[in-house]
C-alpha atoms as a PDB file:
ATOM      1  CA  MET A   1      -0.111   0.252  -0.164  1.00  0.00           C
ATOM      2  CA  THR A   2       2.959   2.223   0.173  1.00  0.00           C
ATOM      3  CA  PHE A   3       3.534   2.402  -3.241  1.00  0.00           C
ATOM      4  CA  LEU A   4      -0.293   3.456  -4.314  1.00  0.00           C
ATOM      5  CA  PRO A   5      -0.013   7.169  -4.093  1.00  0.00           C
ATOM      6  CA  SER A   6       3.123   6.845  -6.488  1.00  0.00           C
ATOM      7  CA  LYS A   7       1.753   4.750  -8.356  1.00  0.00           C
ATOM      8  CA  VAL A   8      -1.826   7.199  -8.568  1.00  0.00           C
ATOM      9  CA  ALA A   9       0.248  10.165  -9.767  1.00  0.00           C
ATOM     10  CA  SER A  10       1.957   8.168 -12.647  1.00  0.00           C
ATOM     11  CA  ILE A  11      -0.692   7.098 -13.752  1.00  0.00           C
ATOM     12  CA  LEU A  12      -2.652  11.030 -12.999  1.00  0.00           C
ATOM     13  CA  CYS A  13       0.900  12.007 -15.153  1.00  0.00           C
ATOM     14  CA  MET A  14      -0.020   9.735 -18.380  1.00  0.00           C
ATOM     15  CA  PHE A  15      -3.342  10.745 -18.844  1.00  0.00           C
ATOM     16  CA  ALA A  16      -2.135  14.765 -19.267  1.00  0.00           C
ATOM     17  CA  VAL A  17       0.255  14.089 -21.582  1.00  0.00           C
ATOM     18  CA  PHE A  18      -2.587  12.137 -23.423  1.00  0.00           C
ATOM     19  CA  THR A  19      -5.458  14.154 -22.644  1.00  0.00           C
ATOM     20  CA  ALA A  20      -2.791  17.566 -23.731  1.00  0.00           C
ATOM     21  CA  GLY A  21      -1.542  15.694 -27.156  1.00  0.00           C
ATOM     22  CA  ALA A  22      -5.093  14.687 -28.341  1.00  0.00           C
ATOM     23  CA  LEU A  23      -6.796  18.052 -28.580  1.00  0.00           C
ATOM     24  CA  PRO A  24      -5.765  20.464 -31.127  1.00  0.00           C
ATOM     25  CA  GLY A  25      -5.806  23.488 -28.482  1.00  0.00           C
ATOM     26  CA  PHE A  26      -2.531  22.659 -26.013  1.00  0.00           C
ATOM     27  CA  ALA A  27       1.154  23.250 -26.093  1.00  0.00           C
ATOM     28  CA  LYS A  28       2.319  22.180 -29.070  1.00  0.00           C
ATOM     29  CA  SER A  29       5.535  23.915 -29.136  1.00  0.00           C
ATOM     30  CA  ASN A  30       8.605  21.682 -27.889  1.00  0.00           C
ATOM     31  CA  HIS A  31      10.239  25.281 -26.710  1.00  0.00           C
ATOM     32  CA  GLY A  32       7.155  26.252 -23.903  1.00  0.00           C
ATOM     33  CA  LYS A  33       5.978  28.780 -26.453  1.00  0.00           C
ATOM     34  CA  ILE A  34       2.280  28.557 -28.363  1.00  0.00           C
ATOM     35  CA  ARG A  35       2.365  27.873 -31.855  1.00  0.00           C
ATOM     36  CA  VAL A  36       0.571  30.242 -33.956  1.00  0.00           C
ATOM     37  CA  LEU A  37      -0.823  30.160 -37.514  1.00  0.00           C
ATOM     38  CA  ILE A  38      -2.320  32.664 -39.361  1.00  0.00           C
ATOM     39  CA  VAL A  39      -4.106  32.399 -42.250  1.00  0.00           C
ATOM     40  CA  ASP A  40      -4.326  34.829 -45.589  1.00  0.00           C
ATOM     41  CA  GLY A  41      -4.467  35.100 -49.232  1.00  0.00           C
ATOM     42  CA  PHE A  42      -7.262  37.191 -49.986  1.00  0.00           C
ATOM     43  CA  SER A  43      -9.751  40.625 -48.276  1.00  0.00           C
ATOM     44  CA  ASN A  44     -11.199  43.515 -49.093  1.00  0.00           C
ATOM     45  CA  HIS A  45      -8.252  44.868 -46.989  1.00  0.00           C
ATOM     46  CA  ASP A  46      -4.527  45.277 -46.719  1.00  0.00           C
ATOM     47  CA  TRP A  47      -4.042  41.769 -45.687  1.00  0.00           C
ATOM     48  CA  GLN A  48       0.027  41.747 -46.568  1.00  0.00           C
ATOM     49  CA  GLN A  49       0.826  44.596 -43.946  1.00  0.00           C
ATOM     50  CA  THR A  50      -1.493  42.383 -41.626  1.00  0.00           C
ATOM     51  CA  THR A  51      -0.033  39.833 -40.885  1.00  0.00           C
ATOM     52  CA  GLN A  52       3.388  41.573 -40.951  1.00  0.00           C
ATOM     53  CA  LEU A  53       2.092  44.016 -38.081  1.00  0.00           C
ATOM     54  CA  LEU A  54       0.914  41.014 -36.191  1.00  0.00           C
ATOM     55  CA  ARG A  55       3.791  38.897 -36.852  1.00  0.00           C
ATOM     56  CA  GLY A  56       5.682  42.232 -35.563  1.00  0.00           C
ATOM     57  CA  ILE A  57       3.435  42.535 -32.292  1.00  0.00           C
ATOM     58  CA  LEU A  58       3.763  39.074 -31.483  1.00  0.00           C
ATOM     59  CA  ASP A  59       7.220  38.326 -32.600  1.00  0.00           C
ATOM     60  CA  GLY A  60       7.495  41.484 -29.701  1.00  0.00           C
ATOM     61  CA  ALA A  61       5.863  38.956 -27.538  1.00  0.00           C
ATOM     62  CA  GLY A  62       8.215  36.412 -27.278  1.00  0.00           C
ATOM     63  CA  LYS A  63       5.123  33.814 -25.908  1.00  0.00           C
ATOM     64  CA  PHE A  64       4.436  32.405 -29.651  1.00  0.00           C
ATOM     65  CA  GLU A  65       6.006  30.793 -32.764  1.00  0.00           C
ATOM     66  CA  VAL A  66       4.055  32.167 -35.546  1.00  0.00           C
ATOM     67  CA  ASP A  67       3.269  30.073 -39.291  1.00  0.00           C
ATOM     68  CA  VAL A  68       1.437  31.953 -42.296  1.00  0.00           C
ATOM     69  CA  SER A  69      -0.413  29.688 -44.491  1.00  0.00           C
ATOM     70  CA  THR A  70      -1.028  31.961 -47.664  1.00  0.00           C
ATOM     71  CA  ALA A  71      -4.564  30.686 -49.429  1.00  0.00           C
ATOM     72  CA  PRO A  72      -3.896  30.355 -53.195  1.00  0.00           C
ATOM     73  CA  GLN A  73      -6.106  33.300 -55.639  1.00  0.00           C
ATOM     74  CA  ASP A  74      -6.909  31.140 -58.109  1.00  0.00           C
ATOM     75  CA  SER A  75      -9.433  28.197 -56.844  1.00  0.00           C
ATOM     76  CA  ASP A  76      -8.870  27.200 -60.573  1.00  0.00           C
ATOM     77  CA  SER A  77      -5.215  26.939 -59.920  1.00  0.00           C
ATOM     78  CA  PRO A  78      -3.781  23.332 -59.052  1.00  0.00           C
ATOM     79  CA  GLU A  79      -1.869  25.132 -55.392  1.00  0.00           C
ATOM     80  CA  TRP A  80      -5.515  26.035 -54.487  1.00  0.00           C
ATOM     81  CA  ALA A  81      -6.947  22.363 -54.728  1.00  0.00           C
ATOM     82  CA  ALA A  82      -3.022  21.668 -53.101  1.00  0.00           C
ATOM     83  CA  TRP A  83      -3.515  23.922 -50.497  1.00  0.00           C
ATOM     84  CA  ARG A  84      -4.714  21.587 -47.407  1.00  0.00           C
ATOM     85  CA  PRO A  85      -3.345  23.592 -43.754  1.00  0.00           C
ATOM     86  CA  LYS A  86      -2.332  21.307 -40.599  1.00  0.00           C
ATOM     87  CA  PHE A  87      -4.392  23.398 -38.721  1.00  0.00           C
ATOM     88  CA  SER A  88      -4.262  21.467 -36.052  1.00  0.00           C
ATOM     89  CA  ASN A  89      -0.915  21.261 -35.570  1.00  0.00           C
ATOM     90  CA  TYR A  90      -1.180  25.057 -34.053  1.00  0.00           C
ATOM     91  CA  ASP A  91      -2.802  26.448 -30.749  1.00  0.00           C
ATOM     92  CA  VAL A  92      -4.070  28.532 -31.983  1.00  0.00           C
ATOM     93  CA  VAL A  93      -5.507  29.722 -35.566  1.00  0.00           C
ATOM     94  CA  ILE A  94      -5.601  34.061 -36.734  1.00  0.00           C
ATOM     95  CA  GLN A  95      -8.111  33.673 -39.704  1.00  0.00           C
ATOM     96  CA  THR A  96      -7.988  36.824 -41.682  1.00  0.00           C
ATOM     97  CA  CYS A  97      -9.428  36.138 -44.773  1.00  0.00           C
ATOM     98  CA  ASN A  98     -12.675  37.944 -46.023  1.00  0.00           C
ATOM     99  CA  GLU A  99     -14.000  37.237 -49.109  1.00  0.00           C
ATOM    100  CA  ASN A 100     -17.828  39.262 -48.367  1.00  0.00           C
ATOM    101  CA  ALA A 101     -17.612  41.766 -51.442  1.00  0.00           C
ATOM    102  CA  ASN A 102     -21.304  43.243 -50.045  1.00  0.00           C
ATOM    103  CA  ASN A 103     -18.375  45.104 -48.178  1.00  0.00           C
ATOM    104  CA  GLY A 104     -16.437  46.703 -50.648  1.00  0.00           C
ATOM    105  CA  LEU A 105     -14.731  46.002 -53.573  1.00  0.00           C
ATOM    106  CA  LEU A 106     -11.343  42.673 -53.272  1.00  0.00           C
ATOM    107  CA  LEU A 107      -8.582  44.016 -54.509  1.00  0.00           C
ATOM    108  CA  ASN A 108      -7.252  42.359 -57.519  1.00  0.00           C
ATOM    109  CA  LEU A 109      -8.915  39.280 -57.068  1.00  0.00           C
ATOM    110  CA  LYS A 110     -12.274  37.573 -58.700  1.00  0.00           C
ATOM    111  CA  LYS A 111     -15.566  38.413 -57.221  1.00  0.00           C
ATOM    112  CA  LYS A 112     -16.039  35.588 -54.559  1.00  0.00           C
ATOM    113  CA  PRO A 113     -12.801  33.672 -53.352  1.00  0.00           C
ATOM    114  CA  ASP A 114     -13.574  30.803 -51.414  1.00  0.00           C
ATOM    115  CA  TRP A 115     -11.743  28.048 -48.769  1.00  0.00           C
ATOM    116  CA  PRO A 116     -11.151  24.855 -50.680  1.00  0.00           C
ATOM    117  CA  GLU A 117     -13.972  22.125 -48.963  1.00  0.00           C
ATOM    118  CA  ALA A 118     -11.972  19.603 -48.331  1.00  0.00           C
ATOM    119  CA  VAL A 119      -9.731  22.914 -45.616  1.00  0.00           C
ATOM    120  CA  LYS A 120     -13.586  24.463 -44.530  1.00  0.00           C
ATOM    121  CA  HIS A 121     -13.409  20.534 -43.671  1.00  0.00           C
ATOM    122  CA  ASP A 122     -10.282  20.375 -41.664  1.00  0.00           C
ATOM    123  CA  PHE A 123     -11.399  24.116 -39.913  1.00  0.00           C
ATOM    124  CA  ALA A 124     -14.184  22.956 -38.867  1.00  0.00           C
ATOM    125  CA  GLU A 125     -13.440  19.527 -36.802  1.00  0.00           C
ATOM    126  CA  TYR A 126     -10.571  21.186 -36.181  1.00  0.00           C
ATOM    127  CA  VAL A 127     -12.380  23.282 -33.919  1.00  0.00           C
ATOM    128  CA  ARG A 128     -14.849  21.234 -32.567  1.00  0.00           C
ATOM    129  CA  LYS A 129     -11.857  18.838 -31.764  1.00  0.00           C
ATOM    130  CA  GLY A 130     -11.046  21.223 -28.543  1.00  0.00           C
ATOM    131  CA  GLY A 131      -9.173  23.626 -31.253  1.00  0.00           C
ATOM    132  CA  ALA A 132      -8.646  27.236 -30.657  1.00  0.00           C
ATOM    133  CA  VAL A 133      -9.349  30.465 -33.228  1.00  0.00           C
ATOM    134  CA  TYR A 134      -9.162  34.183 -33.568  1.00  0.00           C
ATOM    135  CA  ILE A 135     -11.805  36.027 -36.578  1.00  0.00           C
ATOM    136  CA  TYR A 136      -9.180  38.895 -36.997  1.00  0.00           C
ATOM    137  CA  HIS A 137     -11.940  42.609 -37.835  1.00  0.00           C
ATOM    138  CA  ALA A 138     -12.645  41.652 -41.264  1.00  0.00           C
ATOM    139  CA  ALA A 139     -13.101  37.462 -40.980  1.00  0.00           C
ATOM    140  CA  GLU A 140     -15.926  38.329 -38.956  1.00  0.00           C
ATOM    141  CA  ASN A 141     -17.487  39.716 -41.840  1.00  0.00           C
ATOM    142  CA  ALA A 142     -16.466  36.127 -44.480  1.00  0.00           C
ATOM    143  CA  PHE A 143     -17.762  32.886 -45.918  1.00  0.00           C
ATOM    144  CA  VAL A 144     -21.857  34.057 -45.935  1.00  0.00           C
ATOM    145  CA  GLY A 145     -23.553  31.386 -46.148  1.00  0.00           C
ATOM    146  CA  TRP A 146     -20.976  28.190 -43.695  1.00  0.00           C
ATOM    147  CA  LYS A 147     -22.965  27.824 -41.550  1.00  0.00           C
ATOM    148  CA  GLU A 148     -20.625  26.436 -38.659  1.00  0.00           C
ATOM    149  CA  TYR A 149     -18.181  28.916 -39.717  1.00  0.00           C
ATOM    150  CA  GLU A 150     -21.566  31.205 -38.760  1.00  0.00           C
ATOM    151  CA  GLN A 151     -21.679  29.683 -35.637  1.00  0.00           C
ATOM    152  CA  MET A 152     -18.601  29.903 -34.529  1.00  0.00           C
ATOM    153  CA  VAL A 153     -18.306  34.055 -34.856  1.00  0.00           C
ATOM    154  CA  GLY A 154     -22.051  34.065 -33.762  1.00  0.00           C
ATOM    155  CA  LEU A 155     -22.071  37.929 -35.164  1.00  0.00           C
ATOM    156  CA  SER A 156     -21.099  39.287 -38.627  1.00  0.00           C
ATOM    157  CA  TRP A 157     -21.607  41.341 -40.774  1.00  0.00           C
ATOM    158  CA  ARG A 158     -24.995  40.493 -42.831  1.00  0.00           C
ATOM    159  CA  ASP A 159     -28.239  40.910 -44.262  1.00  0.00           C
ATOM    160  CA  ALA A 160     -30.923  42.965 -41.132  1.00  0.00           C
ATOM    161  CA  ASP A 161     -32.755  39.790 -42.563  1.00  0.00           C
ATOM    162  CA  TYR A 162     -29.844  37.228 -42.468  1.00  0.00           C
ATOM    163  CA  GLY A 163     -29.953  36.605 -37.949  1.00  0.00           C
ATOM    164  CA  THR A 164     -29.769  38.486 -34.589  1.00  0.00           C
ATOM    165  CA  ALA A 165     -28.455  41.558 -33.758  1.00  0.00           C
ATOM    166  CA  ILE A 166     -26.818  41.808 -30.031  1.00  0.00           C
ATOM    167  CA  ARG A 167     -26.203  45.458 -28.873  1.00  0.00           C
ATOM    168  CA  ILE A 168     -25.869  46.817 -24.916  1.00  0.00           C
ATOM    169  CA  ASP A 169     -27.622  48.152 -22.661  1.00  0.00           C
ATOM    170  CA  ASP A 170     -27.047  51.270 -20.338  1.00  0.00           C
ATOM    171  CA  ALA A 171     -27.471  49.212 -17.699  1.00  0.00           C
ATOM    172  CA  GLY A 172     -24.476  46.707 -19.699  1.00  0.00           C
ATOM    173  CA  LYS A 173     -27.397  43.482 -20.254  1.00  0.00           C
ATOM    174  CA  LEU A 174     -27.387  42.473 -23.590  1.00  0.00           C
ATOM    175  CA  VAL A 175     -30.261  43.200 -26.132  1.00  0.00           C
ATOM    176  CA  ARG A 176     -30.929  40.276 -28.579  1.00  0.00           C
ATOM    177  CA  ILE A 177     -33.093  41.739 -31.778  1.00  0.00           C
ATOM    178  CA  PRO A 178     -34.302  39.895 -33.915  1.00  0.00           C
ATOM    179  CA  PRO A 179     -33.644  39.673 -37.795  1.00  0.00           C
ATOM    180  CA  ASN A 180     -35.468  42.713 -40.170  1.00  0.00           C
ATOM    181  CA  ASP A 181     -35.243  44.804 -36.767  1.00  0.00           C
ATOM    182  CA  GLY A 182     -33.132  47.574 -37.264  1.00  0.00           C
ATOM    183  CA  ARG A 183     -30.776  48.042 -40.279  1.00  0.00           C
ATOM    184  CA  ALA A 184     -28.159  45.796 -41.488  1.00  0.00           C
ATOM    185  CA  THR A 185     -24.044  45.516 -40.566  1.00  0.00           C
ATOM    186  CA  ASN A 186     -23.067  48.336 -40.789  1.00  0.00           C
ATOM    187  CA  HIS A 187     -20.179  51.359 -39.408  1.00  0.00           C
ATOM    188  CA  GLY A 188     -19.825  55.071 -38.572  1.00  0.00           C
ATOM    189  CA  LYS A 189     -16.750  56.890 -39.154  1.00  0.00           C
ATOM    190  CA  ARG A 190     -13.871  55.598 -37.800  1.00  0.00           C
ATOM    191  CA  GLN A 191     -12.526  57.479 -34.904  1.00  0.00           C
ATOM    192  CA  ASP A 192     -11.426  57.351 -31.383  1.00  0.00           C
ATOM    193  CA  VAL A 193     -14.117  55.586 -29.364  1.00  0.00           C
ATOM    194  CA  LEU A 194     -13.592  54.497 -25.606  1.00  0.00           C
ATOM    195  CA  VAL A 195     -14.206  51.089 -24.883  1.00  0.00           C
ATOM    196  CA  THR A 196     -15.704  49.664 -21.846  1.00  0.00           C
ATOM    197  CA  ARG A 197     -15.051  45.873 -20.012  1.00  0.00           C
ATOM    198  CA  LEU A 198     -18.291  43.840 -20.257  1.00  0.00           C
ATOM    199  CA  GLY A 199     -17.525  42.449 -16.449  1.00  0.00           C
ATOM    200  CA  ASN A 200     -14.197  40.145 -15.736  1.00  0.00           C
ATOM    201  CA  ASP A 201     -12.727  37.825 -17.905  1.00  0.00           C
ATOM    202  CA  PRO A 202      -9.224  36.259 -17.811  1.00  0.00           C
ATOM    203  CA  ILE A 203      -7.816  37.959 -21.164  1.00  0.00           C
ATOM    204  CA  HIS A 204      -8.734  41.397 -19.548  1.00  0.00           C
ATOM    205  CA  ALA A 205      -7.721  40.825 -15.807  1.00  0.00           C
ATOM    206  CA  GLY A 206      -5.849  43.651 -15.027  1.00  0.00           C
ATOM    207  CA  LEU A 207      -6.593  46.068 -17.078  1.00  0.00           C
ATOM    208  CA  PRO A 208      -9.065  49.612 -16.056  1.00  0.00           C
ATOM    209  CA  ARG A 209     -12.526  48.831 -16.886  1.00  0.00           C
ATOM    210  CA  ALA A 210     -12.541  51.363 -20.062  1.00  0.00           C
ATOM    211  CA  TRP A 211     -10.008  52.531 -22.449  1.00  0.00           C
ATOM    212  CA  MET A 212      -9.556  55.201 -25.389  1.00  0.00           C
ATOM    213  CA  SER A 213      -8.851  53.092 -28.424  1.00  0.00           C
ATOM    214  CA  PRO A 214      -7.964  54.711 -31.983  1.00  0.00           C
ATOM    215  CA  GLU A 215      -9.838  54.911 -35.576  1.00  0.00           C
ATOM    216  CA  MET A 216     -11.753  52.211 -34.463  1.00  0.00           C
ATOM    217  CA  GLU A 217     -14.800  51.106 -36.563  1.00  0.00           C
ATOM    218  CA  VAL A 218     -17.779  49.978 -34.060  1.00  0.00           C
ATOM    219  CA  TYR A 219     -19.702  47.282 -36.700  1.00  0.00           C
ATOM    220  CA  TYR A 220     -23.745  47.957 -35.416  1.00  0.00           C
ATOM    221  CA  TYR A 221     -26.516  45.620 -36.251  1.00  0.00           C
ATOM    222  CA  ALA A 222     -23.575  41.951 -36.529  1.00  0.00           C
ATOM    223  CA  ARG A 223     -25.290  39.647 -37.125  1.00  0.00           C
ATOM    224  CA  GLY A 224     -26.230  35.486 -37.293  1.00  0.00           C
ATOM    225  CA  PRO A 225     -27.201  32.654 -35.367  1.00  0.00           C
ATOM    226  CA  ALA A 226     -26.067  34.742 -32.112  1.00  0.00           C
ATOM    227  CA  GLN A 227     -25.858  31.148 -30.012  1.00  0.00           C
ATOM    228  CA  ASN A 228     -23.030  31.231 -27.265  1.00  0.00           C
ATOM    229  CA  VAL A 229     -22.100  34.648 -27.845  1.00  0.00           C
ATOM    230  CA  ASN A 230     -20.326  35.996 -24.447  1.00  0.00           C
ATOM    231  CA  ALA A 231     -20.311  40.032 -25.469  1.00  0.00           C
ATOM    232  CA  LEU A 232     -16.204  41.255 -23.372  1.00  0.00           C
ATOM    233  CA  THR A 233     -16.481  44.846 -24.290  1.00  0.00           C
ATOM    234  CA  TYR A 234     -17.963  46.875 -25.775  1.00  0.00           C
ATOM    235  CA  ALA A 235     -18.240  51.195 -27.598  1.00  0.00           C
ATOM    236  CA  ARG A 236     -20.928  53.381 -29.243  1.00  0.00           C
ATOM    237  CA  ASP A 237     -21.618  53.737 -32.078  1.00  0.00           C
ATOM    238  CA  THR A 238     -19.780  57.122 -34.412  1.00  0.00           C
ATOM    239  CA  ASP A 239     -23.511  56.340 -36.589  1.00  0.00           C
ATOM    240  CA  PRO A 240     -24.565  60.249 -35.695  1.00  0.00           C
ATOM    241  CA  LYS A 241     -28.572  58.819 -36.538  1.00  0.00           C
ATOM    242  CA  LEU A 242     -27.861  55.700 -34.223  1.00  0.00           C
ATOM    243  CA  GLY A 243     -25.109  56.314 -30.675  1.00  0.00           C
ATOM    244  CA  LEU A 244     -25.861  53.015 -29.773  1.00  0.00           C
ATOM    245  CA  LEU A 245     -22.966  50.499 -27.617  1.00  0.00           C
ATOM    246  CA  TRP A 246     -21.891  47.205 -29.297  1.00  0.00           C
ATOM    247  CA  PRO A 247     -20.069  44.624 -29.271  1.00  0.00           C
ATOM    248  CA  VAL A 248     -15.784  45.262 -29.082  1.00  0.00           C
ATOM    249  CA  GLU A 249     -14.639  41.828 -28.503  1.00  0.00           C
ATOM    250  CA  TRP A 250     -16.538  38.373 -28.182  1.00  0.00           C
ATOM    251  CA  THR A 251     -16.336  34.301 -27.451  1.00  0.00           C
ATOM    252  CA  THR A 252     -18.058  31.971 -28.437  1.00  0.00           C
ATOM    253  CA  THR A 253     -17.623  28.319 -28.340  1.00  0.00           C
ATOM    254  CA  TYR A 254     -18.084  25.797 -31.161  1.00  0.00           C
ATOM    255  CA  GLY A 255     -18.322  21.777 -29.858  1.00  0.00           C
ATOM    256  CA  LYS A 256     -14.793  21.991 -27.619  1.00  0.00           C
ATOM    257  CA  GLY A 257     -13.468  24.918 -29.191  1.00  0.00           C
ATOM    258  CA  ARG A 258     -12.951  28.362 -28.462  1.00  0.00           C
ATOM    259  CA  VAL A 259     -13.205  31.101 -30.538  1.00  0.00           C
ATOM    260  CA  TYR A 260     -12.463  34.744 -29.787  1.00  0.00           C
ATOM    261  CA  ILE A 261     -13.812  37.757 -32.043  1.00  0.00           C
ATOM    262  CA  SER A 262     -12.598  41.110 -32.316  1.00  0.00           C
ATOM    263  CA  THR A 263     -13.023  43.970 -34.351  1.00  0.00           C
ATOM    264  CA  TYR A 264      -9.558  45.617 -33.656  1.00  0.00           C
ATOM    265  CA  GLY A 265      -6.822  45.959 -36.333  1.00  0.00           C
ATOM    266  CA  HIS A 266      -8.823  48.064 -39.041  1.00  0.00           C
ATOM    267  CA  VAL A 267      -5.724  47.992 -42.186  1.00  0.00           C
ATOM    268  CA  TRP A 268      -6.951  49.362 -45.394  1.00  0.00           C
ATOM    269  CA  THR A 269      -5.108  49.588 -48.403  1.00  0.00           C
ATOM    270  CA  GLY A 270      -3.134  52.282 -48.707  1.00  0.00           C
ATOM    271  CA  ASP A 271      -2.798  52.829 -44.619  1.00  0.00           C
ATOM    272  CA  VAL A 272       1.186  52.673 -43.659  1.00  0.00           C
ATOM    273  CA  ASP A 273       1.505  51.966 -39.851  1.00  0.00           C
ATOM    274  CA  PRO A 274      -1.839  52.726 -38.231  1.00  0.00           C
ATOM    275  CA  PRO A 275      -2.169  53.660 -35.296  1.00  0.00           C
ATOM    276  CA  GLY A 276      -5.014  51.219 -34.550  1.00  0.00           C
ATOM    277  CA  MET A 277      -2.407  48.810 -34.759  1.00  0.00           C
ATOM    278  CA  ARG A 278       0.291  51.061 -32.879  1.00  0.00           C
ATOM    279  CA  CYS A 279      -2.039  51.443 -29.718  1.00  0.00           C
ATOM    280  CA  ALA A 280      -1.112  50.539 -26.763  1.00  0.00           C
ATOM    281  CA  ALA A 281      -4.170  48.526 -25.504  1.00  0.00           C
ATOM    282  CA  VAL A 282      -3.978  46.335 -28.857  1.00  0.00           C
ATOM    283  CA  GLN A 283      -0.796  45.532 -28.542  1.00  0.00           C
ATOM    284  CA  THR A 284      -1.445  44.172 -25.579  1.00  0.00           C
ATOM    285  CA  ILE A 285      -4.901  42.315 -25.544  1.00  0.00           C
ATOM    286  CA  ILE A 286      -3.761  40.554 -28.906  1.00  0.00           C
ATOM    287  CA  PRO A 287      -1.060  37.923 -27.394  1.00  0.00           C
ATOM    288  CA  ARG A 288      -3.193  37.416 -23.915  1.00  0.00           C
ATOM    289  CA  ALA A 289      -6.441  37.114 -26.383  1.00  0.00           C
ATOM    290  CA  LEU A 290      -3.929  34.091 -27.882  1.00  0.00           C
ATOM    291  CA  GLU A 291      -2.859  32.769 -24.874  1.00  0.00           C
ATOM    292  CA  TRP A 292      -7.022  32.365 -23.327  1.00  0.00           C
ATOM    293  CA  LEU A 293      -7.172  30.725 -26.360  1.00  0.00           C
ATOM    294  CA  ALA A 294      -4.414  28.193 -25.728  1.00  0.00           C
ATOM    295  CA  ARG A 295      -5.396  27.659 -22.364  1.00  0.00           C
ATOM    296  CA  ARG A 296      -2.427  29.593 -20.701  1.00  0.00           C
ATOM    297  CA  PRO A 297      -2.239  31.713 -18.398  1.00  0.00           C
ATOM    298  CA  VAL A 298      -3.141  35.147 -19.689  1.00  0.00           C
ATOM    299  CA  SER A 299      -0.091  36.471 -17.812  1.00  0.00           C
ATOM    300  CA  PHE A 300       1.454  39.195 -20.481  1.00  0.00           C
ATOM    301  CA  PRO A 301       1.584  42.237 -18.918  1.00  0.00           C
ATOM    302  CA  VAL A 302      -0.537  44.872 -18.517  1.00  0.00           C
ATOM    303  CA  PRO A 303       2.031  47.546 -20.035  1.00  0.00           C
ATOM    304  CA  THR A 304       2.387  51.372 -17.751  1.00  0.00           C
ATOM    305  CA  ASP A 305       1.678  52.956 -21.121  1.00  0.00           C
ATOM    306  CA  PHE A 306      -1.764  51.587 -21.461  1.00  0.00           C
ATOM    307  CA  PRO A 307      -4.403  54.025 -22.430  1.00  0.00           C
ATOM    308  CA  GLY A 308      -6.723  55.583 -19.988  1.00  0.00           C
ATOM    309  CA  THR A 309     -10.174  57.089 -20.265  1.00  0.00           C
ATOM    310  CA  THR A 310      -9.473  60.396 -21.959  1.00  0.00           C
ATOM    311  CA  ALA A 311      -6.375  60.282 -24.482  1.00  0.00           C
ATOM    312  CA  VAL A 312      -5.155  57.219 -26.778  1.00  0.00           C
ATOM    313  CA  SER A 313      -1.983  55.327 -26.493  1.00  0.00           C
ATOM    314  CA  VAL A 314      -0.176  54.948 -29.484  1.00  0.00           C
ATOM    315  CA  ARG A 315       3.399  53.189 -30.242  1.00  0.00           C
ATOM    316  CA  ALA A 316       5.571  54.213 -32.399  1.00  0.00           C
ATOM    317  CA  ALA A 317       6.407  52.532 -35.946  1.00  0.00           C
ATOM    318  CA  ALA A 318       8.385  49.562 -35.419  1.00  0.00           C
ATOM    319  CA  LYS A 319      12.087  50.220 -37.948  1.00  0.00           C
END
């Protein structure tokens, strides 16, 4: 009987190792870093610069190993048919693709590029079995009609009749808006806005209750299945005829997987090192969101230049 505790500990240790290896949402790096895959290749935004800026933020954080998988732009090419990212090799996938031509003209692309069906299947299975995805800015707009993806995102850029929208009332309560009540998704003028936390969550633990964020697009009437939506932060839209509160960051679950969605990080064609990507808050929240998605302790520090409620905090561009 004196050996029972050590045997039990050994069995539990073996079980933990097996479980961590079985779920794609757990770490796979030999160096303890979080393995991240950025998926890019098409968008109505500047996806090349977006990837470059994201890599700069994550490299500077020092906690991540980052790879990029770029979707071929010609859906009739052999490269397109052969493109099949290995999502399960990564702790977190950052999805930046957006083919939604209703939200601006696509740049140098055929009208509606998509992902191959095999890639869609792999992506959905990765998340369902425990993977983690960061839906980055305009990727919230993407893949109209792909039901699994829309369930992951919860609230997407869609027409007024497409699904339920969610806003926040002045008491901080979620208000569900049925289809055809209100408008299609859009946003007002891009400008500095006050972002406010809604309750407590690990990503924002230790952050101020509210802060200013530069050149934000506050999406209103984002619509979809709106299931399992956990709103983390919100801001007031800049439409002079509306002026309501809408989610800026939210999470959902899909199967065993975690999904984080944020409208931070607008990078338009012609922008150079846009302030929204140099915001001290954004550069803090992105690594913290990835830590949470990867099921790691959220330990990325809150910097001294994190903004308050009266002014934005924009860092110098990387050299």
